C-alpha atoms as a PDB file:
ATOM      1  CA  MET A   1      -0.098   0.113  -0.275  1.00  0.00           C
ATOM      2  CA  CYS A   2       1.526   3.284  -0.760  1.00  0.00           C
ATOM      3  CA  THR A   3       0.437   6.753   0.617  1.00  0.00           C
ATOM      4  CA  PHE A   4       0.835  10.153  -0.318  1.00  0.00           C
ATOM      5  CA  LEU A   5       1.345  12.699   2.431  1.00  0.00           C
ATOM      6  CA  VAL A   6       0.286  16.348   1.754  1.00  0.00           C
ATOM      7  CA  TYR A   7       1.563  18.815   3.604  1.00  0.00           C
ATOM      8  CA  VAL A   8      -0.532  21.995   3.977  1.00  0.00           C
ATOM      9  CA  THR A   9       2.084  24.536   2.873  1.00  0.00           C
ATOM     10  CA  SER A  10       2.289  27.457  -0.150  1.00  0.00           C
ATOM     11  CA  PRO A  11       2.986  25.564  -2.215  1.00  0.00           C
ATOM     12  CA  PRO A  12       1.787  22.337  -1.175  1.00  0.00           C
ATOM     13  CA  VAL A  13       4.345  20.002  -0.422  1.00  0.00           C
ATOM     14  CA  VAL A  14       3.546  16.057  -1.443  1.00  0.00           C
ATOM     15  CA  ALA A  15       5.712  13.326  -0.158  1.00  0.00           C
ATOM     16  CA  PRO A  16       6.277  10.824  -2.773  1.00  0.00           C
ATOM     17  CA  CYS A  17       6.174   6.987  -1.784  1.00  0.00           C
ATOM     18  CA  SER A  18       8.057   3.793  -3.165  1.00  0.00           C
ATOM     19  CA  SER A  19       6.121   1.096  -4.294  1.00  0.00           C
ATOM     20  CA  GLU A  20       8.432  -1.107  -1.875  1.00  0.00           C
ATOM     21  CA  TYR A  21       9.200  -0.282   1.517  1.00  0.00           C
ATOM     22  CA  GLY A  22      12.639   0.198   2.914  1.00  0.00           C
ATOM     23  CA  THR A  23      15.309   2.509   1.804  1.00  0.00           C
ATOM     24  CA  ASP A  24      13.553   4.240  -0.961  1.00  0.00           C
ATOM     25  CA  SER A  25      10.319   4.839   1.283  1.00  0.00           C
ATOM     26  CA  MET A  26      12.559   6.327   3.390  1.00  0.00           C
ATOM     27  CA  ARG A  27      14.746   8.603   1.112  1.00  0.00           C
ATOM     28  CA  SER A  28      11.127   9.566  -0.163  1.00  0.00           C
ATOM     29  CA  ARG A  29       9.872  10.769   3.064  1.00  0.00           C
ATOM     30  CA  ARG A  30      13.213  12.315   4.155  1.00  0.00           C
ATOM     31  CA  ALA A  31      13.209  14.672   0.787  1.00  0.00           C
ATOM     32  CA  ALA A  32       9.828  15.346   1.431  1.00  0.00           C
ATOM     33  CA  LEU A  33      10.736  16.596   4.888  1.00  0.00           C
ATOM     34  CA  VAL A  34      13.207  18.667   3.764  1.00  0.00           C
ATOM     35  CA  ALA A  35      11.014  20.418   1.006  1.00  0.00           C
ATOM     36  CA  LEU A  36       8.465  21.076   3.480  1.00  0.00           C
ATOM     37  CA  ALA A  37      11.439  22.489   5.691  1.00  0.00           C
ATOM     38  CA  LEU A  38      12.263  24.559   3.011  1.00  0.00           C
ATOM     39  CA  ALA A  39       8.957  25.772   1.947  1.00  0.00           C
ATOM     40  CA  GLY A  40       8.279  26.821   5.682  1.00  0.00           C
ATOM     41  CA  GLN A  41      11.392  28.888   5.865  1.00  0.00           C
ATOM     42  CA  ARG A  42       9.935  31.077   2.739  1.00  0.00           C
ATOM     43  CA  LEU A  43       6.851  31.508   4.413  1.00  0.00           C
ATOM     44  CA  VAL A  44       8.636  32.349   7.631  1.00  0.00           C
ATOM     45  CA  SER A  45      10.451  34.826   5.632  1.00  0.00           C
ATOM     46  CA  SER A  46       8.001  36.480   3.950  1.00  0.00           C
ATOM     47  CA  HIS A  47       5.487  38.643   5.861  1.00  0.00           C
ATOM     48  CA  SER A  48       4.079  41.838   4.668  1.00  0.00           C
ATOM     49  CA  PHE A  49       3.948  45.287   3.504  1.00  0.00           C
ATOM     50  CA  VAL A  50       1.918  48.615   2.767  1.00  0.00           C
ATOM     51  CA  SER A  51       0.842  47.815  -0.835  1.00  0.00           C
ATOM     52  CA  ASN A  52      -1.536  50.825  -1.065  1.00  0.00           C
ATOM     53  CA  ILE A  53      -2.767  53.963   0.337  1.00  0.00           C
ATOM     54  CA  ASN A  54      -6.052  55.576  -0.057  1.00  0.00           C
ATOM     55  CA  ILE A  55      -6.807  58.943   0.294  1.00  0.00           C
ATOM     56  CA  ASN A  56     -10.285  60.809  -0.702  1.00  0.00           C
ATOM     57  CA  GLY A  57     -11.117  57.747  -2.946  1.00  0.00           C
ATOM     58  CA  LEU A  58      -7.756  57.822  -4.434  1.00  0.00           C
ATOM     59  CA  SER A  59      -5.366  55.013  -4.692  1.00  0.00           C
ATOM     60  CA  TYR A  60      -1.330  55.645  -4.486  1.00  0.00           C
ATOM     61  CA  ASP A  61       1.499  52.944  -4.854  1.00  0.00           C
ATOM     62  CA  GLY A  62       3.288  51.799  -1.734  1.00  0.00           C
ATOM     63  CA  PHE A  63       6.585  50.336  -2.177  1.00  0.00           C
ATOM     64  CA  ARG A  64       6.205  46.753  -3.198  1.00  0.00           C
ATOM     65  CA  PRO A  65       9.096  44.545  -2.551  1.00  0.00           C
ATOM     66  CA  THR A  66       7.543  42.023  -4.564  1.00  0.00           C
ATOM     67  CA  GLU A  67       8.502  44.354  -7.668  1.00  0.00           C
ATOM     68  CA  PRO A  68      10.607  47.137  -6.444  1.00  0.00           C
ATOM     69  CA  ASP A  69      11.040  48.575  -9.909  1.00  0.00           C
ATOM     70  CA  ALA A  70       7.529  48.905 -10.951  1.00  0.00           C
ATOM     71  CA  HIS A  71       6.555  52.341  -9.317  1.00  0.00           C
ATOM     72  CA  PRO A  72       9.350  54.577  -9.503  1.00  0.00           C
ATOM     73  CA  TYR A  73       6.933  57.730  -8.049  1.00  0.00           C
ATOM     74  CA  ALA A  74       5.246  55.669  -5.144  1.00  0.00           C
ATOM     75  CA  ILE A  75       4.598  57.577  -1.822  1.00  0.00           C
ATOM     76  CA  GLY A  76       5.933  54.853   0.121  1.00  0.00           C
ATOM     77  CA  TRP A  77       9.407  54.872   1.261  1.00  0.00           C
ATOM     78  CA  SER A  78      11.500  51.880  -0.696  1.00  0.00           C
ATOM     79  CA  THR A  79      13.345  49.902   1.898  1.00  0.00           C
ATOM     80  CA  ALA A  80      15.846  46.953   1.544  1.00  0.00           C
ATOM     81  CA  ALA A  81      13.488  44.538   2.962  1.00  0.00           C
ATOM     82  CA  LEU A  82      13.081  42.388   0.316  1.00  0.00           C
ATOM     83  CA  ASP A  83      12.056  39.453   2.312  1.00  0.00           C
ATOM     84  CA  GLN A  84       9.582  41.191   3.596  1.00  0.00           C
ATOM     85  CA  GLY A  85      10.952  40.753   7.179  1.00  0.00           C
ATOM     86  CA  TYR A  86      11.167  43.082  10.294  1.00  0.00           C
ATOM     87  CA  VAL A  87      13.013  44.761  12.695  1.00  0.00           C
ATOM     88  CA  ASN A  88      13.711  43.579  16.216  1.00  0.00           C
ATOM     89  CA  GLN A  89      15.300  45.091  19.149  1.00  0.00           C
ATOM     90  CA  THR A  90      19.020  44.992  17.645  1.00  0.00           C
ATOM     91  CA  GLY A  91      17.749  47.842  15.383  1.00  0.00           C
ATOM     92  CA  TYR A  92      16.012  49.806  17.900  1.00  0.00           C
ATOM     93  CA  ARG A  93      18.921  52.229  18.081  1.00  0.00           C
ATOM     94  CA  THR A  94      19.990  52.400  14.291  1.00  0.00           C
ATOM     95  CA  GLU A  95      18.395  53.741  11.299  1.00  0.00           C
ATOM     96  CA  GLU A  96      16.543  50.593  10.437  1.00  0.00           C
ATOM     97  CA  ILE A  97      13.603  51.249  12.844  1.00  0.00           C
ATOM     98  CA  ILE A  98      13.033  54.844  11.316  1.00  0.00           C
ATOM     99  CA  CYS A  99      11.270  53.652   8.089  1.00  0.00           C
ATOM    100  CA  HIS A 100      12.771  49.920   7.893  1.00  0.00           C
ATOM    101  CA  ARG A 101      15.806  48.581   6.734  1.00  0.00           C
ATOM    102  CA  GLY A 102      17.964  50.325   4.130  1.00  0.00           C
ATOM    103  CA  ALA A 103      14.634  52.636   3.494  1.00  0.00           C
ATOM    104  CA  GLU A 104      14.857  55.515   1.001  1.00  0.00           C
ATOM    105  CA  ASN A 105      12.763  58.645   0.632  1.00  0.00           C
ATOM    106  CA  ALA A 106       9.837  58.155  -1.577  1.00  0.00           C
ATOM    107  CA  ARG A 107       9.833  60.054  -4.797  1.00  0.00           C
ATOM    108  CA  GLY A 108       6.137  61.013  -4.566  1.00  0.00           C
ATOM    109  CA  TYR A 109       3.496  62.303  -2.059  1.00  0.00           C
ATOM    110  CA  ALA A 110      -0.088  62.748  -1.714  1.00  0.00           C
ATOM    111  CA  PRO A 111      -2.376  65.464  -0.359  1.00  0.00           C
ATOM    112  CA  VAL A 112      -4.347  65.192   2.328  1.00  0.00           C
ATOM    113  CA  PRO A 113      -6.504  67.532   4.450  1.00  0.00           C
ATOM    114  CA  ALA A 114      -5.958  68.007   8.231  1.00  0.00           C
ATOM    115  CA  GLY A 115      -8.669  65.947   9.577  1.00  0.00           C
ATOM    116  CA  GLY A 116      -8.454  63.691   6.355  1.00  0.00           C
ATOM    117  CA  ILE A 117      -8.790  59.901   6.631  1.00  0.00           C
ATOM    118  CA  VAL A 118      -5.476  57.743   5.251  1.00  0.00           C
ATOM    119  CA  HIS A 119      -6.669  54.301   4.554  1.00  0.00           C
ATOM    120  CA  ILE A 120      -3.446  51.820   4.584  1.00  0.00           C
ATOM    121  CA  GLN A 121      -3.966  48.735   2.608  1.00  0.00           C
ATOM    122  CA  TRP A 122      -1.174  45.876   3.658  1.00  0.00           C
ATOM    123  CA  ASN A 123      -0.486  43.017   1.442  1.00  0.00           C
ATOM    124  CA  GLY A 124      -2.100  40.341   3.898  1.00  0.00           C
ATOM    125  CA  TRP A 125      -1.085  39.561   7.680  1.00  0.00           C
ATOM    126  CA  PRO A 126      -0.607  36.574   9.327  1.00  0.00           C
ATOM    127  CA  GLN A 127      -2.957  35.605  11.841  1.00  0.00           C
ATOM    128  CA  SER A 128      -0.315  34.504  14.388  1.00  0.00           C
ATOM    129  CA  HIS A 129       1.540  37.717  14.219  1.00  0.00           C
ATOM    130  CA  LYS A 130      -0.564  39.465  16.822  1.00  0.00           C
ATOM    131  CA  GLY A 131       0.167  42.806  18.544  1.00  0.00           C
ATOM    132  CA  PRO A 132      -0.351  46.365  18.194  1.00  0.00           C
ATOM    133  CA  VAL A 133      -0.745  48.804  15.504  1.00  0.00           C
ATOM    134  CA  MET A 134       0.702  52.277  15.691  1.00  0.00           C
ATOM    135  CA  ASP A 135       0.657  55.460  13.528  1.00  0.00           C
ATOM    136  CA  TYR A 136       2.972  58.651  13.678  1.00  0.00           C
ATOM    137  CA  LEU A 137       3.851  61.817  11.688  1.00  0.00           C
ATOM    138  CA  ALA A 138       7.157  63.694  11.476  1.00  0.00           C
ATOM    139  CA  SER A 139       7.384  67.210   9.786  1.00  0.00           C
ATOM    140  CA  CYS A 140       9.869  67.203   6.880  1.00  0.00           C
ATOM    141  CA  ASN A 141      10.570  70.965   7.669  1.00  0.00           C
ATOM    142  CA  GLY A 142      10.918  70.872   3.597  1.00  0.00           C
ATOM    143  CA  PRO A 143      10.615  68.232   0.829  1.00  0.00           C
ATOM    144  CA  SER A 144       9.697  64.879   1.903  1.00  0.00           C
ATOM    145  CA  GLU A 145      11.552  63.758  -1.378  1.00  0.00           C
ATOM    146  CA  THR A 146      15.018  64.833   0.278  1.00  0.00           C
ATOM    147  CA  VAL A 147      14.387  65.022   4.006  1.00  0.00           C
ATOM    148  CA  ASP A 148      17.095  63.161   6.051  1.00  0.00           C
ATOM    149  CA  LYS A 149      15.417  60.280   8.040  1.00  0.00           C
ATOM    150  CA  THR A 150      17.296  60.976  10.831  1.00  0.00           C
ATOM    151  CA  ARG A 151      16.306  64.131  11.140  1.00  0.00           C
ATOM    152  CA  LEU A 152      12.951  63.444  11.515  1.00  0.00           C
ATOM    153  CA  ARG A 153      11.085  63.747  14.972  1.00  0.00           C
ATOM    154  CA  PHE A 154       8.010  61.398  15.240  1.00  0.00           C
ATOM    155  CA  PHE A 155       4.918  62.370  17.195  1.00  0.00           C
ATOM    156  CA  LYS A 156       2.434  59.611  18.037  1.00  0.00           C
ATOM    157  CA  ILE A 157      -1.420  60.174  16.364  1.00  0.00           C
ATOM    158  CA  ASN A 158      -3.009  56.430  16.634  1.00  0.00           C
ATOM    159  CA  GLN A 159      -2.523  53.302  18.788  1.00  0.00           C
ATOM    160  CA  VAL A 160      -4.326  50.081  19.460  1.00  0.00           C
ATOM    161  CA  GLY A 161      -2.877  47.337  21.432  1.00  0.00           C
ATOM    162  CA  LEU A 162      -4.239  44.468  23.554  1.00  0.00           C
ATOM    163  CA  VAL A 163      -8.246  45.141  22.836  1.00  0.00           C
ATOM    164  CA  ASP A 164      -9.395  41.936  24.631  1.00  0.00           C
ATOM    165  CA  GLY A 165      -7.336  39.765  27.171  1.00  0.00           C
ATOM    166  CA  SER A 166      -9.848  37.255  28.218  1.00  0.00           C
ATOM    167  CA  GLU A 167      -9.047  34.568  26.221  1.00  0.00           C
ATOM    168  CA  ALA A 168      -5.649  33.899  25.353  1.00  0.00           C
ATOM    169  CA  PRO A 169      -3.325  34.794  23.085  1.00  0.00           C
ATOM    170  CA  GLY A 170      -5.935  37.829  22.992  1.00  0.00           C
ATOM    171  CA  ILE A 171      -7.487  40.217  20.448  1.00  0.00           C
ATOM    172  CA  TRP A 172      -5.275  42.999  19.469  1.00  0.00           C
ATOM    173  CA  GLY A 173      -4.784  45.867  16.920  1.00  0.00           C
ATOM    174  CA  SER A 174      -3.326  43.219  14.479  1.00  0.00           C
ATOM    175  CA  ASP A 175      -6.541  41.290  14.776  1.00  0.00           C
ATOM    176  CA  GLN A 176      -8.636  44.216  13.592  1.00  0.00           C
ATOM    177  CA  LEU A 177      -6.316  45.069  11.015  1.00  0.00           C
ATOM    178  CA  ILE A 178      -6.820  41.617   9.331  1.00  0.00           C
ATOM    179  CA  ALA A 179     -10.763  41.737   9.941  1.00  0.00           C
ATOM    180  CA  ASN A 180     -10.986  45.035   8.139  1.00  0.00           C
ATOM    181  CA  ASN A 181      -9.636  43.528   5.059  1.00  0.00           C
ATOM    182  CA  ASN A 182      -6.061  43.641   6.147  1.00  0.00           C
ATOM    183  CA  SER A 183      -5.931  47.454   6.255  1.00  0.00           C
ATOM    184  CA  TRP A 184      -5.890  50.328   8.500  1.00  0.00           C
ATOM    185  CA  VAL A 185      -7.253  53.767   9.099  1.00  0.00           C
ATOM    186  CA  VAL A 186      -5.900  56.854  10.765  1.00  0.00           C
ATOM    187  CA  GLU A 187      -7.088  60.453  10.848  1.00  0.00           C
ATOM    188  CA  ILE A 188      -4.648  63.445  10.473  1.00  0.00           C
ATOM    189  CA  PRO A 189      -5.123  65.544  13.259  1.00  0.00           C
ATOM    190  CA  ARG A 190      -6.935  68.518  12.720  1.00  0.00           C
ATOM    191  CA  ARG A 191      -5.224  71.350  13.930  1.00  0.00           C
ATOM    192  CA  ILE A 192      -2.157  70.096  12.266  1.00  0.00           C
ATOM    193  CA  ARG A 193       0.067  72.469  10.747  1.00  0.00           C
ATOM    194  CA  PRO A 194       0.639  72.347   7.183  1.00  0.00           C
ATOM    195  CA  GLY A 195       3.393  71.177   5.145  1.00  0.00           C
ATOM    196  CA  PHE A 196       5.283  68.014   3.957  1.00  0.00           C
ATOM    197  CA  TYR A 197       5.156  65.216   6.417  1.00  0.00           C
ATOM    198  CA  VAL A 198       6.223  61.425   6.636  1.00  0.00           C
ATOM    199  CA  LEU A 199       3.329  59.253   7.858  1.00  0.00           C
ATOM    200  CA  ARG A 200       5.096  56.353   9.789  1.00  0.00           C
ATOM    201  CA  THR A 201       2.695  53.282  10.282  1.00  0.00           C
ATOM    202  CA  GLU A 202       3.658  50.151  12.138  1.00  0.00           C
ATOM    203  CA  ILE A 203       2.831  46.880  13.578  1.00  0.00           C
ATOM    204  CA  ILE A 204       4.727  44.994  16.175  1.00  0.00           C
ATOM    205  CA  ALA A 205       4.397  40.899  16.065  1.00  0.00           C
ATOM    206  CA  LEU A 206       4.878  39.962  19.578  1.00  0.00           C
ATOM    207  CA  HIS A 207       4.306  35.984  19.031  1.00  0.00           C
ATOM    208  CA  ASN A 208       8.202  35.431  19.300  1.00  0.00           C
ATOM    209  CA  ALA A 209       8.490  38.299  22.221  1.00  0.00           C
ATOM    210  CA  SER A 210       9.432  35.737  24.737  1.00  0.00           C
ATOM    211  CA  TYR A 211      12.813  35.067  23.314  1.00  0.00           C
ATOM    212  CA  GLU A 212      15.363  37.813  23.975  1.00  0.00           C
ATOM    213  CA  ILE A 213      15.343  39.711  20.455  1.00  0.00           C
ATOM    214  CA  GLY A 214      11.909  38.331  19.561  1.00  0.00           C
ATOM    215  CA  ALA A 215       9.724  41.369  19.083  1.00  0.00           C
ATOM    216  CA  GLN A 216       9.016  41.860  15.261  1.00  0.00           C
ATOM    217  CA  ASN A 217       8.454  45.552  14.204  1.00  0.00           C
ATOM    218  CA  TYR A 218       7.093  46.398  10.531  1.00  0.00           C
ATOM    219  CA  PRO A 219       7.775  49.861  10.027  1.00  0.00           C
ATOM    220  CA  GLN A 220       6.510  51.429   6.762  1.00  0.00           C
ATOM    221  CA  CYS A 221       6.519  55.326   5.718  1.00  0.00           C
ATOM    222  CA  ILE A 222       4.573  57.342   3.304  1.00  0.00           C
ATOM    223  CA  ASN A 223       4.879  60.886   1.988  1.00  0.00           C
ATOM    224  CA  LEU A 224       2.186  63.014   2.872  1.00  0.00           C
ATOM    225  CA  GLN A 225       1.253  67.057   2.041  1.00  0.00           C
ATOM    226  CA  ILE A 226      -1.247  67.970   4.816  1.00  0.00           C
ATOM    227  CA  THR A 227      -3.268  71.133   3.960  1.00  0.00           C
ATOM    228  CA  GLY A 228      -5.194  73.497   6.000  1.00  0.00           C
ATOM    229  CA  ASP A 229      -4.539  76.231   8.598  1.00  0.00           C
ATOM    230  CA  GLY A 230      -4.136  74.431  11.691  1.00  0.00           C
ATOM    231  CA  PRO A 231      -1.240  76.159  14.010  1.00  0.00           C
ATOM    232  CA  ASP A 232      -0.007  72.845  15.888  1.00  0.00           C
ATOM    233  CA  LEU A 233       3.022  71.022  15.334  1.00  0.00           C
ATOM    234  CA  PRO A 234       3.770  68.689  18.071  1.00  0.00           C
ATOM    235  CA  ALA A 235       7.082  67.974  19.615  1.00  0.00           C
ATOM    236  CA  GLY A 236       8.589  64.455  18.645  1.00  0.00           C
ATOM    237  CA  VAL A 237      11.297  62.204  18.975  1.00  0.00           C
ATOM    238  CA  PRO A 238      13.945  60.546  16.602  1.00  0.00           C
ATOM    239  CA  GLY A 239      13.011  57.133  15.227  1.00  0.00           C
ATOM    240  CA  GLN A 240      15.927  55.665  17.141  1.00  0.00           C
ATOM    241  CA  ALA A 241      14.484  56.924  20.370  1.00  0.00           C
ATOM    242  CA  LEU A 242      10.817  55.662  20.068  1.00  0.00           C
ATOM    243  CA  TYR A 243      11.738  52.200  21.728  1.00  0.00           C
ATOM    244  CA  ASP A 244      13.720  50.929  24.550  1.00  0.00           C
ATOM    245  CA  PRO A 245      15.307  47.376  23.643  1.00  0.00           C
ATOM    246  CA  GLU A 246      14.976  46.565  26.858  1.00  0.00           C
ATOM    247  CA  ASP A 247      11.076  47.621  27.165  1.00  0.00           C
ATOM    248  CA  PRO A 248       9.291  44.894  28.986  1.00  0.00           C
ATOM    249  CA  SER A 249       6.099  45.745  26.384  1.00  0.00           C
ATOM    250  CA  MET A 250       8.711  43.942  23.970  1.00  0.00           C
ATOM    251  CA  HIS A 251       9.550  40.921  26.236  1.00  0.00           C
ATOM    252  CA  LEU A 252       6.544  38.905  27.289  1.00  0.00           C
ATOM    253  CA  ASP A 253       4.826  35.802  26.477  1.00  0.00           C
ATOM    254  CA  ILE A 254       1.342  36.163  24.832  1.00  0.00           C
ATOM    255  CA  SER A 255       0.656  32.552  24.356  1.00  0.00           C
ATOM    256  CA  GLY A 256      -0.678  31.835  27.737  1.00  0.00           C
ATOM    257  CA  GLY A 257      -2.680  35.464  27.807  1.00  0.00           C
ATOM    258  CA  ILE A 258      -2.366  38.421  29.484  1.00  0.00           C
ATOM    259  CA  PRO A 259      -4.578  40.906  31.242  1.00  0.00           C
ATOM    260  CA  GLU A 260      -3.190  44.038  30.148  1.00  0.00           C
ATOM    261  CA  TYR A 261      -0.732  45.678  27.674  1.00  0.00           C
ATOM    262  CA  THR A 262       1.192  48.718  27.697  1.00  0.00           C
ATOM    263  CA  ILE A 263       1.756  49.736  24.147  1.00  0.00           C
ATOM    264  CA  PRO A 264       5.571  50.780  23.463  1.00  0.00           C
ATOM    265  CA  GLY A 265       6.413  54.144  22.585  1.00  0.00           C
ATOM    266  CA  PRO A 266       5.869  57.646  23.307  1.00  0.00           C
ATOM    267  CA  PRO A 267       1.938  58.540  24.267  1.00  0.00           C
ATOM    268  CA  PRO A 268      -0.243  59.712  21.654  1.00  0.00           C
ATOM    269  CA  ILE A 269      -0.497  63.644  21.174  1.00  0.00           C
ATOM    270  CA  ALA A 270      -3.638  65.396  22.580  1.00  0.00           C
ATOM    271  CA  GLY A 271      -6.398  65.864  20.864  1.00  0.00           C
ATOM    272  CA  ILE A 272      -6.637  63.194  18.403  1.00  0.00           C
ATOM    273  CA  GLU A 273      -9.350  60.773  17.497  1.00  0.00           C
ATOM    274  CA  THR A 274      -9.690  57.250  16.923  1.00  0.00           C
ATOM    275  CA  VAL A 275     -11.757  56.266  13.942  1.00  0.00           C
ATOM    276  CA  THR A 276     -13.735  53.247  12.960  1.00  0.00           C
ATOM    277  CA  LEU A 277     -11.952  51.017  11.132  1.00  0.00           C
ATOM    278  CA  SER A 278     -13.794  50.697   7.411  1.00  0.00           C
ATOM    279  CA  HIS A 279     -12.585  49.555   4.083  1.00  0.00           C
ATOM    280  CA  PRO A 280     -13.709  52.150   1.663  1.00  0.00           C
ATOM    281  CA  MET A 281     -12.996  51.108  -1.722  1.00  0.00           C
ATOM    282  CA  PRO A 282     -10.933  53.719  -3.967  1.00  0.00           C
ATOM    283  CA  THR A 283     -12.819  54.920  -7.057  1.00  0.00           C
ATOM    284  CA  GLY A 284      -9.518  55.863  -9.186  1.00  0.00           C
ATOM    285  CA  SER A 285      -5.965  55.885  -9.057  1.00  0.00           C
ATOM    286  CA  GLY A 286      -4.122  59.036  -7.528  1.00  0.00           C
ATOM    287  CA  THR A 287      -1.457  61.144  -9.167  1.00  0.00           C
ATOM    288  CA  PRO A 288       1.454  61.201  -6.874  1.00  0.00           C
ATOM    289  CA  ARG A 289       3.226  64.905  -7.019  1.00  0.00           C
ATOM    290  CA  ILE A 290       6.903  65.396  -7.047  1.00  0.00           C
ATOM    291  CA  GLY A 291       8.572  68.547  -5.855  1.00  0.00           C
ATOM    292  CA  THR A 292       7.119  71.635  -3.946  1.00  0.00           C
ATOM    293  CA  ALA A 293       3.719  72.518  -4.141  1.00  0.00           C
ATOM    294  CA  GLU A 294       3.970  75.016  -6.761  1.00  0.00           C
ATOM    295  CA  ALA A 295       5.988  72.387  -8.688  1.00  0.00           C
ATOM    296  CA  ALA A 296       3.545  69.475  -8.492  1.00  0.00           C
ATOM    297  CA  ILE A 297       3.225  67.359 -11.277  1.00  0.00           C
ATOM    298  CA  ALA A 298      -0.489  66.774 -11.836  1.00  0.00           C
ATOM    299  CA  THR A 299      -0.878  64.289 -14.740  1.00  0.00           C
ATOM    300  CA  LEU A 300       0.253  60.868 -15.378  1.00  0.00           C
ATOM    301  CA  ALA A 301       1.223  62.061 -18.751  1.00  0.00           C
ATOM    302  CA  GLU A 302       3.813  64.259 -17.226  1.00  0.00           C
ATOM    303  CA  ILE A 303       5.071  61.357 -15.100  1.00  0.00           C
ATOM    304  CA  ALA A 304       5.576  59.408 -18.176  1.00  0.00           C
ATOM    305  CA  ASP A 305       7.275  62.060 -20.034  1.00  0.00           C
ATOM    306  CA  ARG A 306       9.905  62.031 -16.950  1.00  0.00           C
ATOM    307  CA  ILE A 307      10.236  58.580 -17.265  1.00  0.00           C
ATOM    308  CA  TYR A 308      10.792  58.527 -21.129  1.00  0.00           C
ATOM    309  CA  ASN A 309      13.311  61.079 -21.033  1.00  0.00           C
ATOM    310  CA  THR A 310      15.325  59.368 -18.079  1.00  0.00           C
ATOM    311  CA  LEU A 311      15.556  56.246 -19.210  1.00  0.00           C
ATOM    312  CA  GLY A 312      14.953  56.171 -23.381  1.00  0.00           C
ATOM    313  CA  PRO A 313      12.345  54.557 -25.372  1.00  0.00           C
ATOM    314  CA  ASP A 314      13.269  51.152 -24.587  1.00  0.00           C
ATOM    315  CA  VAL A 315      11.463  51.044 -21.349  1.00  0.00           C
END
């Protein structure tokens, strides 16, 4: 009798069998286990990223590590995390934690009014990777395309941590994100001063936080031009000072359940509002702007001309 073992992985792994028992069968099973391990390694190293940002019914491109060169004028900062991986405690005092590993300025930005809603679409999120979801802003004090990320000063505008800890491992902000079609919603503070900003959105996965460097941070940065006439510019902190590598909120075991949780990082600024999650469908593609407000690109045709003039006719 021959039995085929199908392992639930992506892609599925099927263990072949031999018509005879003995060495061939053992080799087949061993080969199947090796394939399973390799498939599992791919799954572990592949997590997620912000694929789209929707504002006022228009969809803008984030940086997609699955096609890193496909959207040169995305409003999401590019990263070197082509494995869709994370930053752990070893990177909290380095540039990695600011906007992810090897992050570079996005070349475009999107306009949003103070008090406006930014809908952030992630490319899926693992159910097991439970933890808080947070949002920060930092003023660029000039163009967002050229700002030095180490000079950004972030202030928190939104956070959701442990929602319900009555049953292990609890309901977390990440669970709400998953239930909202793997997307998140944040309101821009209504009294914020107009200008160019970097929106830093982040999920911290705590499923392995019982290990010494087991917390997994997934920061993503987005260029915005906030409009309006608000007077406020809250004080912030450098990205490298957001988290303490020894913070107990990054060193805990959630598998058995915890009754409460202190969300890491600075407290949110005063006067903000946490909006109800929703999943508005964009009605069209947004045109990313480039340069200062006076020289902003307004049409896709102009972007196409820039690409043509830079790369030539054979693109």
